[in-house]
Amino acid sequence: MELIKYLVTPLAVFVVFIVLCLGLWNMTRSDNANLSQKLMRWRVGLQFLAVCLIMFSVWLAQ
């Protein structure tokens, strides 16, 4: 369970950050609104997963 705390959770947060940056970069540089919306939807889903993993790791730490 320490793997979730020290590896999976920071990795999930990093992936959310990467998708956020890709979405913002695409929004400012391109006229492809569909790709920007798709990236932002992925970001929301990945944020949900990251928050769930963080809550699970906090629950395990108790």
C-alpha atoms as a PDB file:
ATOM      1  CA  MET A   1       0.000   0.000   0.000  1.00  0.00           C
ATOM      2  CA  GLU A   2       2.992   2.279   0.317  1.00  0.00           C
ATOM      3  CA  LEU A   3       3.246   2.042  -3.472  1.00  0.00           C
ATOM      4  CA  ILE A   4      -0.029   3.981  -3.788  1.00  0.00           C
ATOM      5  CA  LYS A   5       1.173   6.626  -1.381  1.00  0.00           C
ATOM      6  CA  TYR A   6       4.611   7.258  -2.841  1.00  0.00           C
ATOM      7  CA  LEU A   7       4.360   6.338  -6.499  1.00  0.00           C
ATOM      8  CA  VAL A   8       0.844   6.136  -7.911  1.00  0.00           C
ATOM      9  CA  THR A   9      -0.589   9.299  -6.347  1.00  0.00           C
ATOM     10  CA  PRO A  10       2.214  11.656  -7.491  1.00  0.00           C
ATOM     11  CA  LEU A  11       2.130  10.003 -10.909  1.00  0.00           C
ATOM     12  CA  ALA A  12      -1.614  10.660 -11.194  1.00  0.00           C
ATOM     13  CA  VAL A  13      -1.126  14.310 -10.211  1.00  0.00           C
ATOM     14  CA  PHE A  14       1.694  14.646 -12.758  1.00  0.00           C
ATOM     15  CA  VAL A  15      -0.466  13.171 -15.526  1.00  0.00           C
ATOM     16  CA  VAL A  16      -3.246  15.643 -14.683  1.00  0.00           C
ATOM     17  CA  PHE A  17      -0.713  18.471 -14.914  1.00  0.00           C
ATOM     18  CA  ILE A  18       0.554  17.255 -18.302  1.00  0.00           C
ATOM     19  CA  VAL A  19      -2.975  16.993 -19.739  1.00  0.00           C
ATOM     20  CA  LEU A  20      -3.795  20.447 -18.357  1.00  0.00           C
ATOM     21  CA  CYS A  21      -0.716  21.939 -20.021  1.00  0.00           C
ATOM     22  CA  LEU A  22      -1.481  20.191 -23.320  1.00  0.00           C
ATOM     23  CA  GLY A  23      -5.048  21.492 -23.257  1.00  0.00           C
ATOM     24  CA  LEU A  24      -3.989  25.040 -22.493  1.00  0.00           C
ATOM     25  CA  TRP A  25      -1.256  24.941 -25.130  1.00  0.00           C
ATOM     26  CA  ASN A  26      -3.655  23.616 -27.744  1.00  0.00           C
ATOM     27  CA  MET A  27      -6.283  26.207 -26.803  1.00  0.00           C
ATOM     28  CA  THR A  28      -3.864  29.104 -27.269  1.00  0.00           C
ATOM     29  CA  ARG A  29      -2.024  27.813 -30.354  1.00  0.00           C
ATOM     30  CA  SER A  30      -4.649  26.041 -32.407  1.00  0.00           C
ATOM     31  CA  ASP A  31      -8.115  26.527 -33.795  1.00  0.00           C
ATOM     32  CA  ASN A  32      -9.031  22.925 -33.014  1.00  0.00           C
ATOM     33  CA  ALA A  33     -11.667  23.431 -30.318  1.00  0.00           C
ATOM     34  CA  ASN A  34     -12.667  19.770 -30.350  1.00  0.00           C
ATOM     35  CA  LEU A  35      -9.219  18.640 -29.255  1.00  0.00           C
ATOM     36  CA  SER A  36      -9.132  21.255 -26.498  1.00  0.00           C
ATOM     37  CA  GLN A  37     -12.495  20.087 -25.191  1.00  0.00           C
ATOM     38  CA  LYS A  38     -11.419  16.452 -25.362  1.00  0.00           C
ATOM     39  CA  LEU A  39      -8.241  17.218 -23.404  1.00  0.00           C
ATOM     40  CA  MET A  40     -10.180  19.150 -20.778  1.00  0.00           C
ATOM     41  CA  ARG A  41     -12.618  16.247 -20.398  1.00  0.00           C
ATOM     42  CA  TRP A  42      -9.665  13.906 -19.916  1.00  0.00           C
ATOM     43  CA  ARG A  43      -8.292  16.321 -17.321  1.00  0.00           C
ATOM     44  CA  VAL A  44     -11.522  16.271 -15.335  1.00  0.00           C
ATOM     45  CA  GLY A  45     -11.603  12.476 -15.357  1.00  0.00           C
ATOM     46  CA  LEU A  46      -7.965  12.210 -14.369  1.00  0.00           C
ATOM     47  CA  GLN A  47      -8.465  14.778 -11.619  1.00  0.00           C
ATOM     48  CA  PHE A  48     -11.280  12.648 -10.222  1.00  0.00           C
ATOM     49  CA  LEU A  49      -9.001   9.609 -10.275  1.00  0.00           C
ATOM     50  CA  ALA A  50      -6.168  11.551  -8.601  1.00  0.00           C
ATOM     51  CA  VAL A  51      -8.465  12.861  -5.853  1.00  0.00           C
ATOM     52  CA  CYS A  52      -9.791   9.339  -5.235  1.00  0.00           C
ATOM     53  CA  LEU A  53      -6.239   7.995  -4.980  1.00  0.00           C
ATOM     54  CA  ILE A  54      -5.267  10.758  -2.566  1.00  0.00           C
ATOM     55  CA  MET A  55      -8.316  10.109  -0.410  1.00  0.00           C
ATOM     56  CA  PHE A  56      -7.564   6.372  -0.454  1.00  0.00           C
ATOM     57  CA  SER A  57      -3.961   6.947   0.609  1.00  0.00           C
ATOM     58  CA  VAL A  58      -5.107   9.234   3.449  1.00  0.00           C
ATOM     59  CA  TRP A  59      -7.599   6.588   4.525  1.00  0.00           C
ATOM     60  CA  LEU A  60      -4.826   3.965   4.543  1.00  0.00           C
ATOM     61  CA  ALA A  61      -2.575   6.212   6.617  1.00  0.00           C
ATOM     62  CA  GLN A  62      -5.078   6.323   9.499  1.00  0.00           C
END
